[in-house]
């Protein structure tokens, strides 16, 4: 049952999300500001990262709930261990657990007004699973921005401390803010690309369920152009970023591990026609995101 639950919440994605936030915290916050006097301590931030993971896990569960009948008939997906009612119960308990931790953090850190973020994001993910994912492009954009906003949550939480850092060391402050903007851009654009590619991959199932996803509404060719456009934007930012890297060895590393694979993925995107090819592109884009994140984390300024 535990293994099935981990699969249902997509534990690999959740783990990547949690590790990403912790690494970003230690890379840019803990090593740059005095966290002993910060409103949000290391422990509190760890709990905050846990809350974001709970929100995402709950979003995956409610998505499973609404896709239950479709998944039962899909040849590519095995029958669920859980019933539709089970999914609803799990979703409810996750929301309650996240709510309790959020209330605790809001009172402990003094971010009481920011508590509203929890119900808003939970509600939006529910609406996405229920309706928005079947609205062309809007659902893709929403999920992509949500993933990117997880990155920006960190400077938001420590904004007061970062403003103090700006007075002490403006260059360090600029580098930190620039780093978060770059990571936000990379994450959002690659996620948008992946979401659009997944729409093409799942268009037969979506059409069966009368879901007007991007691929169903616009057709494969136009949808592929949307994916290519988002990927080209990513490539432009990546090429511009390579010139900001101060050390030539890092420039070479970025070119080999990020830019060359990205150009290969771009080529595969342009030539892709079969469903299996789009499925591989979805997998490649996830690998590219993880590798890109690790590289930028260890090499930014």
Foldseek 3Di string as FASTA:
>chain_A
DVVLLCVQLVVVVLVLQLVLQLLLCVLQPVVQFDQVPALQHSVNSSLVSVLLSLLSSLLSLLLCLLCQVLLPPDPVHDHHPDDSVRSVVVSVVSLVVSLVSLVVSCVSSVVVVCSVVSVVSSVVSNCLSVAVQLPEPRSLQVVLLSSLVSLVVVCVSCVVRLVVSCVVPVVSSVLSVVLSVLLSLLSSLLSSLLSLLVCCLCVVSCVVVVRNYNCNVPNDVVSLVVSLVSLVVNLVSLVVVLVVQDDVVLSVVCCVLAVVLSVVLSVLSVPDDDSVSSVVSSVSSVVNSSSVSVSSSVRRD
